[in-house]
PDB file of N, CA and C in Angstrom:
ATOM      1  N   LEU A   1     -20.543  -9.744  35.622  1.00  0.00           N
ATOM      2  CA  LEU A   1     -21.088  -8.771  34.613  1.00  0.00           C
ATOM      3  C   LEU A   1     -20.484  -8.534  33.505  1.00  0.00           C
ATOM      4  N   SER A   2     -20.756  -8.669  32.287  1.00  0.00           N
ATOM      5  CA  SER A   2     -20.085  -8.361  31.384  1.00  0.00           C
ATOM      6  C   SER A   2     -20.181  -6.501  30.816  1.00  0.00           C
ATOM      7  N   LEU A   3     -20.458  -5.532  31.212  1.00  0.00           N
ATOM      8  CA  LEU A   3     -20.210  -4.404  31.620  1.00  0.00           C
ATOM      9  C   LEU A   3     -18.716  -4.014  32.310  1.00  0.00           C
ATOM     10  N   VAL A   4     -18.215  -4.229  33.076  1.00  0.00           N
ATOM     11  CA  VAL A   4     -16.897  -3.855  33.035  1.00  0.00           C
ATOM     12  C   VAL A   4     -15.941  -4.946  31.806  1.00  0.00           C
ATOM     13  N   PRO A   5     -15.494  -5.828  30.634  1.00  0.00           N
ATOM     14  CA  PRO A   5     -15.076  -5.906  29.560  1.00  0.00           C
ATOM     15  C   PRO A   5     -15.103  -5.531  28.232  1.00  0.00           C
ATOM     16  N   PHE A   6     -16.522  -5.406  28.523  1.00  0.00           N
ATOM     17  CA  PHE A   6     -16.697  -4.031  27.326  1.00  0.00           C
ATOM     18  C   PHE A   6     -16.641  -2.778  27.150  1.00  0.00           C
ATOM     19  N   ILE A   7     -16.617  -2.765  28.770  1.00  0.00           N
ATOM     20  CA  ILE A   7     -15.806  -0.776  29.198  1.00  0.00           C
ATOM     21  C   ILE A   7     -14.445  -1.290  28.439  1.00  0.00           C
ATOM     22  N   THR A   8     -13.365  -1.426  29.089  1.00  0.00           N
ATOM     23  CA  THR A   8     -12.465  -2.231  28.936  1.00  0.00           C
ATOM     24  C   THR A   8     -12.205  -2.296  27.714  1.00  0.00           C
ATOM     25  N   LEU A   9     -12.788  -3.196  26.866  1.00  0.00           N
ATOM     26  CA  LEU A   9     -12.323  -2.550  25.446  1.00  0.00           C
ATOM     27  C   LEU A   9     -12.881  -1.612  24.655  1.00  0.00           C
ATOM     28  N   ILE A  10     -13.790  -0.564  25.073  1.00  0.00           N
ATOM     29  CA  ILE A  10     -14.257   0.224  24.120  1.00  0.00           C
ATOM     30  C   ILE A  10     -12.997   2.092  24.933  1.00  0.00           C
ATOM     31  N   ILE A  11     -12.854   1.510  25.701  1.00  0.00           N
ATOM     32  CA  ILE A  11     -11.138   2.169  26.130  1.00  0.00           C
ATOM     33  C   ILE A  11      -9.987   1.797  25.109  1.00  0.00           C
ATOM     34  N   GLY A  12      -9.564   0.369  24.557  1.00  0.00           N
ATOM     35  CA  GLY A  12      -9.151   0.153  24.186  1.00  0.00           C
ATOM     36  C   GLY A  12      -9.416   1.123  22.768  1.00  0.00           C
ATOM     37  N   ILE A  13     -10.565   0.644  22.138  1.00  0.00           N
ATOM     38  CA  ILE A  13     -10.909   0.687  21.000  1.00  0.00           C
ATOM     39  C   ILE A  13     -10.485   2.784  20.586  1.00  0.00           C
ATOM     40  N   VAL A  14     -10.880   3.924  21.969  1.00  0.00           N
ATOM     41  CA  VAL A  14     -10.906   5.213  22.154  1.00  0.00           C
ATOM     42  C   VAL A  14      -9.655   5.475  21.763  1.00  0.00           C
ATOM     43  N   LEU A  15      -8.639   5.068  22.831  1.00  0.00           N
ATOM     44  CA  LEU A  15      -7.303   5.294  22.964  1.00  0.00           C
ATOM     45  C   LEU A  15      -6.403   5.010  21.693  1.00  0.00           C
ATOM     46  N   ALA A  16      -7.064   3.847  20.814  1.00  0.00           N
ATOM     47  CA  ALA A  16      -6.021   3.789  19.424  1.00  0.00           C
ATOM     48  C   ALA A  16      -6.579   4.357  17.933  1.00  0.00           C
ATOM     49  N   SER A  17      -8.243   4.651  17.991  1.00  0.00           N
ATOM     50  CA  SER A  17      -8.907   5.265  17.141  1.00  0.00           C
ATOM     51  C   SER A  17      -8.668   7.176  15.922  1.00  0.00           C
ATOM     52  N   GLY A  18      -7.489   7.152  16.619  1.00  0.00           N
ATOM     53  CA  GLY A  18      -6.887   8.327  15.842  1.00  0.00           C
ATOM     54  C   GLY A  18      -6.033   7.874  14.884  1.00  0.00           C
ATOM     55  N   TYR A  19      -5.301   6.349  15.215  1.00  0.00           N
ATOM     56  CA  TYR A  19      -4.137   5.393  14.053  1.00  0.00           C
ATOM     57  C   TYR A  19      -5.312   5.169  12.946  1.00  0.00           C
ATOM     58  N   LEU A  20      -6.524   4.421  13.513  1.00  0.00           N
ATOM     59  CA  LEU A  20      -7.122   2.902  13.066  1.00  0.00           C
ATOM     60  C   LEU A  20      -7.320   2.960  12.129  1.00  0.00           C
ATOM     61  N   PRO A  21      -7.493   4.268  10.865  1.00  0.00           N
ATOM     62  CA  PRO A  21      -7.861   4.896   9.497  1.00  0.00           C
ATOM     63  C   PRO A  21      -6.722   4.645   8.695  1.00  0.00           C
ATOM     64  N   PHE A  22      -5.803   3.995   9.683  1.00  0.00           N
ATOM     65  CA  PHE A  22      -4.116   4.015   8.797  1.00  0.00           C
ATOM     66  C   PHE A  22      -3.990   2.276   9.183  1.00  0.00           C
ATOM     67  N   GLN A  23      -4.490   1.679   9.117  1.00  0.00           N
ATOM     68  CA  GLN A  23      -4.068   0.184   9.680  1.00  0.00           C
ATOM     69  C   GLN A  23      -3.647  -0.579   7.914  1.00  0.00           C
ATOM     70  N   ASN A  24      -4.443   0.284   6.900  1.00  0.00           N
ATOM     71  CA  ASN A  24      -4.128  -0.467   5.863  1.00  0.00           C
ATOM     72  C   ASN A  24      -3.192   0.496   4.490  1.00  0.00           C
ATOM     73  N   ILE A  25      -2.516   1.003   5.007  1.00  0.00           N
ATOM     74  CA  ILE A  25      -1.593   1.913   4.635  1.00  0.00           C
ATOM     75  C   ILE A  25      -0.685   1.254   3.881  1.00  0.00           C
ATOM     76  N   LEU A  26      -0.520   0.405   4.804  1.00  0.00           N
ATOM     77  CA  LEU A  26       0.848  -0.200   3.486  1.00  0.00           C
ATOM     78  C   LEU A  26       0.687  -1.085   2.409  1.00  0.00           C
ATOM     79  N   THR A  27      -0.519  -0.853   2.765  1.00  0.00           N
ATOM     80  CA  THR A  27      -1.427  -1.822   1.405  1.00  0.00           C
ATOM     81  C   THR A  27      -1.279  -0.605   0.602  1.00  0.00           C
ATOM     82  N   MET A  28      -2.140  -0.021   0.972  1.00  0.00           N
ATOM     83  CA  MET A  28      -2.316   1.485   0.101  1.00  0.00           C
ATOM     84  C   MET A  28      -1.163   0.801  -0.499  1.00  0.00           C
ATOM     85  N   SER A  29      -0.054   1.417  -0.384  1.00  0.00           N
ATOM     86  CA  SER A  29       1.545   1.596  -0.907  1.00  0.00           C
ATOM     87  C   SER A  29       1.951   0.700  -1.180  1.00  0.00           C
ATOM     88  N   ASN A  30       1.474  -0.066  -2.057  1.00  0.00           N
ATOM     89  CA  ASN A  30       2.488  -1.521  -2.212  1.00  0.00           C
ATOM     90  C   ASN A  30       3.209  -2.618  -1.485  1.00  0.00           C
ATOM     91  N   LYS A  31       3.179  -2.569   0.027  1.00  0.00           N
ATOM     92  CA  LYS A  31       3.381  -3.342   0.154  1.00  0.00           C
ATOM     93  C   LYS A  31       2.617  -4.504   0.993  1.00  0.00           C
ATOM     94  N   PRO A  32       1.945  -5.573   1.176  1.00  0.00           N
ATOM     95  CA  PRO A  32       1.023  -7.107   1.576  1.00  0.00           C
ATOM     96  C   PRO A  32       1.560  -6.899   2.106  1.00  0.00           C
ATOM     97  N   GLY A  33       2.740  -7.554   1.497  1.00  0.00           N
ATOM     98  CA  GLY A  33       3.794  -8.656   3.322  1.00  0.00           C
ATOM     99  C   GLY A  33       4.339  -8.062   4.156  1.00  0.00           C
ATOM    100  N   MET A  34       4.580  -6.663   3.637  1.00  0.00           N
ATOM    101  CA  MET A  34       4.835  -5.908   5.285  1.00  0.00           C
ATOM    102  C   MET A  34       3.382  -5.607   6.087  1.00  0.00           C
ATOM    103  N   GLN A  35       2.424  -5.527   5.824  1.00  0.00           N
ATOM    104  CA  GLN A  35       0.873  -5.368   5.994  1.00  0.00           C
ATOM    105  C   GLN A  35       0.203  -6.749   7.071  1.00  0.00           C
ATOM    106  N   SER A  36       0.825  -8.202   6.172  1.00  0.00           N
ATOM    107  CA  SER A  36       0.482  -9.295   6.523  1.00  0.00           C
ATOM    108  C   SER A  36       1.241  -9.236   8.295  1.00  0.00           C
ATOM    109  N   LEU A  37       3.022  -9.052   7.581  1.00  0.00           N
ATOM    110  CA  LEU A  37       3.495  -9.172   9.230  1.00  0.00           C
ATOM    111  C   LEU A  37       2.819  -8.346  10.176  1.00  0.00           C
ATOM    112  N   MET A  38       2.698  -7.153   9.457  1.00  0.00           N
ATOM    113  CA  MET A  38       2.370  -6.083  10.440  1.00  0.00           C
ATOM    114  C   MET A  38       1.007  -6.289  11.336  1.00  0.00           C
ATOM    115  N   ILE A  39       0.280  -6.888  10.714  1.00  0.00           N
ATOM    116  CA  ILE A  39      -1.381  -7.997  11.286  1.00  0.00           C
ATOM    117  C   ILE A  39      -0.464  -9.219  12.207  1.00  0.00           C
ATOM    118  N   PHE A  40       0.302 -10.139  11.720  1.00  0.00           N
ATOM    119  CA  PHE A  40       0.548 -11.298  12.501  1.00  0.00           C
ATOM    120  C   PHE A  40       1.313 -10.838  14.251  1.00  0.00           C
ATOM    121  N   LEU A  41       2.624  -9.394  13.949  1.00  0.00           N
ATOM    122  CA  LEU A  41       2.746  -8.917  15.307  1.00  0.00           C
ATOM    123  C   LEU A  41       1.948  -8.392  15.960  1.00  0.00           C
ATOM    124  N   ILE A  42       0.584  -7.889  15.666  1.00  0.00           N
ATOM    125  CA  ILE A  42      -0.279  -7.968  16.740  1.00  0.00           C
ATOM    126  C   ILE A  42      -0.808  -9.182  16.972  1.00  0.00           C
ATOM    127  N   CYS A  43      -1.489  -9.605  16.169  1.00  0.00           N
ATOM    128  CA  CYS A  43      -1.704 -10.947  16.870  1.00  0.00           C
ATOM    129  C   CYS A  43      -1.172 -12.016  17.510  1.00  0.00           C
ATOM    130  N   LEU A  44       0.140 -11.478  17.365  1.00  0.00           N
ATOM    131  CA  LEU A  44       0.735 -12.118  18.634  1.00  0.00           C
ATOM    132  C   LEU A  44       0.980 -11.547  19.498  1.00  0.00           C
ATOM    133  N   VAL A  45       1.050 -10.258  19.694  1.00  0.00           N
ATOM    134  CA  VAL A  45       0.982  -9.231  21.139  1.00  0.00           C
ATOM    135  C   VAL A  45      -0.972 -10.643  22.253  1.00  0.00           C
ATOM    136  N   ASN A  46      -1.471 -10.090  20.999  1.00  0.00           N
ATOM    137  CA  ASN A  46      -3.166 -10.607  21.174  1.00  0.00           C
ATOM    138  C   ASN A  46      -2.707 -12.048  22.095  1.00  0.00           C
ATOM    139  N   ILE A  47      -2.012 -12.951  22.072  1.00  0.00           N
ATOM    140  CA  ILE A  47      -2.150 -14.410  21.875  1.00  0.00           C
ATOM    141  C   ILE A  47      -1.137 -14.549  23.100  1.00  0.00           C
ATOM    142  N   PHE A  48      -0.175 -13.090  23.210  1.00  0.00           N
ATOM    143  CA  PHE A  48       0.874 -13.241  24.162  1.00  0.00           C
ATOM    144  C   PHE A  48       0.529 -12.594  25.235  1.00  0.00           C
ATOM    145  N   LEU A  49      -0.705 -11.697  25.504  1.00  0.00           N
ATOM    146  CA  LEU A  49      -1.164 -10.900  26.406  1.00  0.00           C
ATOM    147  C   LEU A  49      -2.479 -11.719  26.218  1.00  0.00           C
ATOM    148  N   ASN A  50      -3.426 -13.000  25.947  1.00  0.00           N
ATOM    149  CA  ASN A  50      -4.211 -13.272  26.793  1.00  0.00           C
ATOM    150  C   ASN A  50      -3.625 -14.376  27.471  1.00  0.00           C
ATOM    151  N   TYR A  51      -2.349 -15.180  27.076  1.00  0.00           N
ATOM    152  CA  TYR A  51      -2.606 -16.516  27.960  1.00  0.00           C
ATOM    153  C   TYR A  51      -1.971 -16.087  29.370  1.00  0.00           C
ATOM    154  N   ILE A  52      -1.188 -14.519  29.153  1.00  0.00           N
ATOM    155  CA  ILE A  52      -0.837 -14.281  30.261  1.00  0.00           C
ATOM    156  C   ILE A  52      -1.775 -14.167  31.377  1.00  0.00           C
ATOM    157  N   LEU A  53      -3.083 -12.834  30.902  1.00  0.00           N
ATOM    158  CA  LEU A  53      -4.125 -12.329  31.601  1.00  0.00           C
ATOM    159  C   LEU A  53      -4.658 -13.526  31.822  1.00  0.00           C
ATOM    160  N   ILE A  54      -5.407 -14.284  31.142  1.00  0.00           N
ATOM    161  CA  ILE A  54      -6.946 -14.958  31.186  1.00  0.00           C
ATOM    162  C   ILE A  54      -6.622 -15.477  32.773  1.00  0.00           C
ATOM    163  N   PRO A  55      -5.500 -16.545  32.699  1.00  0.00           N
ATOM    164  CA  PRO A  55      -5.475 -17.445  34.002  1.00  0.00           C
ATOM    165  C   PRO A  55      -6.107 -16.645  35.400  1.00  0.00           C
ATOM    166  N   ASN A  56      -5.485 -15.285  35.421  1.00  0.00           N
ATOM    167  CA  ASN A  56      -5.728 -15.137  36.506  1.00  0.00           C
ATOM    168  C   ASN A  56      -6.869 -13.971  36.272  1.00  0.00           C
ATOM    169  N   LEU A  57      -7.051 -13.817  35.241  1.00  0.00           N
ATOM    170  CA  LEU A  57      -8.605 -12.523  35.209  1.00  0.00           C
ATOM    171  C   LEU A  57      -9.600 -12.925  34.767  1.00  0.00           C
ATOM    172  N   GLY A  58      -9.551 -14.410  33.921  1.00  0.00           N
ATOM    173  CA  GLY A  58     -10.580 -14.510  32.941  1.00  0.00           C
ATOM    174  C   GLY A  58     -10.429 -13.786  32.296  1.00  0.00           C
ATOM    175  N   ILE A  59     -12.452 -13.424  31.509  1.00  0.00           N
ATOM    176  CA  ILE A  59     -13.165 -12.487  30.572  1.00  0.00           C
ATOM    177  C   ILE A  59     -12.522 -11.206  30.695  1.00  0.00           C
ATOM    178  N   ASN A  60     -12.152 -10.399  31.873  1.00  0.00           N
ATOM    179  CA  ASN A  60     -11.590  -9.311  31.934  1.00  0.00           C
ATOM    180  C   ASN A  60     -10.333  -9.575  31.912  1.00  0.00           C
ATOM    181  N   GLY A  61      -9.245 -10.009  31.707  1.00  0.00           N
ATOM    182  CA  GLY A  61      -8.393 -10.029  30.992  1.00  0.00           C
ATOM    183  C   GLY A  61      -7.579 -10.577  29.679  1.00  0.00           C
ATOM    184  N   ALA A  62      -9.075 -11.080  29.610  1.00  0.00           N
ATOM    185  CA  ALA A  62      -8.786 -11.384  28.232  1.00  0.00           C
ATOM    186  C   ALA A  62      -9.076  -9.629  27.131  1.00  0.00           C
ATOM    187  N   SER A  63      -9.940  -9.332  27.972  1.00  0.00           N
ATOM    188  CA  SER A  63     -10.634  -7.310  27.911  1.00  0.00           C
ATOM    189  C   SER A  63      -9.384  -6.588  27.753  1.00  0.00           C
ATOM    190  N   ILE A  64      -8.688  -7.066  29.071  1.00  0.00           N
ATOM    191  CA  ILE A  64      -7.594  -6.067  29.114  1.00  0.00           C
ATOM    192  C   ILE A  64      -6.420  -6.480  27.604  1.00  0.00           C
ATOM    193  N   ALA A  65      -6.316  -7.830  28.007  1.00  0.00           N
ATOM    194  CA  ALA A  65      -5.435  -8.412  27.099  1.00  0.00           C
ATOM    195  C   ALA A  65      -6.077  -7.527  25.601  1.00  0.00           C
ATOM    196  N   THR A  66      -6.865  -7.602  24.345  1.00  0.00           N
ATOM    197  CA  THR A  66      -7.520  -6.903  23.571  1.00  0.00           C
ATOM    198  C   THR A  66      -7.027  -5.575  23.057  1.00  0.00           C
ATOM    199  N   SER A  67      -7.030  -5.106  24.178  1.00  0.00           N
ATOM    200  CA  SER A  67      -6.971  -3.239  24.450  1.00  0.00           C
ATOM    201  C   SER A  67      -6.463  -2.631  24.091  1.00  0.00           C
ATOM    202  N   LEU A  68      -4.974  -3.480  25.551  1.00  0.00           N
ATOM    203  CA  LEU A  68      -3.398  -3.381  25.079  1.00  0.00           C
ATOM    204  C   LEU A  68      -3.650  -3.626  24.015  1.00  0.00           C
ATOM    205  N   SER A  69      -3.263  -5.022  22.972  1.00  0.00           N
ATOM    206  CA  SER A  69      -2.947  -5.636  21.779  1.00  0.00           C
ATOM    207  C   SER A  69      -3.528  -4.016  20.432  1.00  0.00           C
ATOM    208  N   THR A  70      -5.438  -4.077  20.640  1.00  0.00           N
ATOM    209  CA  THR A  70      -5.177  -2.426  20.422  1.00  0.00           C
ATOM    210  C   THR A  70      -4.192  -1.707  20.278  1.00  0.00           C
ATOM    211  N   VAL A  71      -3.986  -1.029  21.319  1.00  0.00           N
ATOM    212  CA  VAL A  71      -2.570   0.496  21.177  1.00  0.00           C
ATOM    213  C   VAL A  71      -1.537  -0.032  21.383  1.00  0.00           C
ATOM    214  N   SER A  72      -1.301  -1.001  21.331  1.00  0.00           N
ATOM    215  CA  SER A  72       0.214  -1.894  21.119  1.00  0.00           C
ATOM    216  C   SER A  72       0.283  -1.360  18.813  1.00  0.00           C
ATOM    217  N   SER A  73      -0.826  -2.003  18.753  1.00  0.00           N
ATOM    218  CA  SER A  73      -1.213  -1.747  16.918  1.00  0.00           C
ATOM    219  C   SER A  73      -0.582  -0.218  16.513  1.00  0.00           C
ATOM    220  N   VAL A  74      -1.148   0.685  17.195  1.00  0.00           N
ATOM    221  CA  VAL A  74      -0.508   2.110  16.752  1.00  0.00           C
ATOM    222  C   VAL A  74       1.273   1.930  17.093  1.00  0.00           C
ATOM    223  N   PHE A  75       1.559   1.530  17.517  1.00  0.00           N
ATOM    224  CA  PHE A  75       3.571   2.282  17.567  1.00  0.00           C
ATOM    225  C   PHE A  75       3.309   0.983  16.995  1.00  0.00           C
ATOM    226  N   ILE A  76       3.507  -0.253  16.759  1.00  0.00           N
ATOM    227  CA  ILE A  76       3.447  -1.148  15.953  1.00  0.00           C
ATOM    228  C   ILE A  76       3.369  -0.348  14.298  1.00  0.00           C
ATOM    229  N   LEU A  77       2.180   0.134  14.331  1.00  0.00           N
ATOM    230  CA  LEU A  77       1.957   0.622  12.612  1.00  0.00           C
ATOM    231  C   LEU A  77       2.915   1.831  12.241  1.00  0.00           C
ATOM    232  N   LYS A  78       3.030   2.454  13.627  1.00  0.00           N
ATOM    233  CA  LYS A  78       3.821   3.619  13.522  1.00  0.00           C
ATOM    234  C   LYS A  78       5.605   3.826  13.203  1.00  0.00           C
ATOM    235  N   LEU A  79       6.072   2.488  13.610  1.00  0.00           N
ATOM    236  CA  LEU A  79       7.396   2.158  13.273  1.00  0.00           C
ATOM    237  C   LEU A  79       7.092   1.177  11.898  1.00  0.00           C
ATOM    238  N   PHE A  80       6.053   0.455  11.482  1.00  0.00           N
ATOM    239  CA  PHE A  80       6.065  -0.386  10.313  1.00  0.00           C
ATOM    240  C   PHE A  80       6.142   1.421   9.017  1.00  0.00           C
ATOM    241  N   VAL A  81       5.226   1.839   9.705  1.00  0.00           N
ATOM    242  CA  VAL A  81       4.780   3.497   8.791  1.00  0.00           C
ATOM    243  C   VAL A  81       6.711   4.098   8.507  1.00  0.00           C
ATOM    244  N   LYS A  82       7.427   3.798   9.653  1.00  0.00           N
ATOM    245  CA  LYS A  82       8.423   4.919   9.330  1.00  0.00           C
ATOM    246  C   LYS A  82      10.213   4.109   8.677  1.00  0.00           C
ATOM    247  N   THR A  83      10.130   2.959   8.858  1.00  0.00           N
ATOM    248  CA  THR A  83      10.292   1.851   8.374  1.00  0.00           C
ATOM    249  C   THR A  83      10.243   1.716   7.151  1.00  0.00           C
ATOM    250  N   GLN A  84       9.107   0.905   6.530  1.00  0.00           N
ATOM    251  CA  GLN A  84       8.855   1.140   5.154  1.00  0.00           C
ATOM    252  C   GLN A  84       8.351   2.602   4.087  1.00  0.00           C
ATOM    253  N   LEU A  85       7.520   2.996   4.046  1.00  0.00           N
ATOM    254  CA  LEU A  85       7.317   4.376   4.815  1.00  0.00           C
ATOM    255  C   LEU A  85       8.188   5.521   4.086  1.00  0.00           C
ATOM    256  N   ASN A  86       8.854   5.848   5.187  1.00  0.00           N
ATOM    257  CA  ASN A  86       9.299   6.858   5.916  1.00  0.00           C
ATOM    258  C   ASN A  86       9.020   8.371   5.962  1.00  0.00           C
ATOM    259  N   LEU A  87       7.757   8.215   6.288  1.00  0.00           N
ATOM    260  CA  LEU A  87       6.784   8.433   7.244  1.00  0.00           C
ATOM    261  C   LEU A  87       6.818   9.126   8.773  1.00  0.00           C
ATOM    262  N   ARG A  88       6.041   9.858   8.648  1.00  0.00           N
ATOM    263  CA  ARG A  88       5.280   9.901  10.683  1.00  0.00           C
ATOM    264  C   ARG A  88       3.765   9.863  10.316  1.00  0.00           C
ATOM    265  N   ILE A  89       3.688   9.360  10.999  1.00  0.00           N
ATOM    266  CA  ILE A  89       1.939   9.274  11.023  1.00  0.00           C
ATOM    267  C   ILE A  89       1.674   9.494  12.495  1.00  0.00           C
TER     268      ILE A  89
END
């Protein structure tokens, strides 16, 4: 049933939704290299979590991994914005 993975993805997006509009703040602050690094790290988190969760949980593991990486993007974003722009978001 595809409803469970769908709901899992929606939960991840809802949890991160307050920060998703800020995902491009580094590019807008003339730091495109840092933006690329941030996206690369988020992608690595997603790949790592998929590698761990898919063998045991299948499609549910993939949706959990993607949701967790979306939520982790909030913390990665906050870290990058604090260190690069000296701002709290």
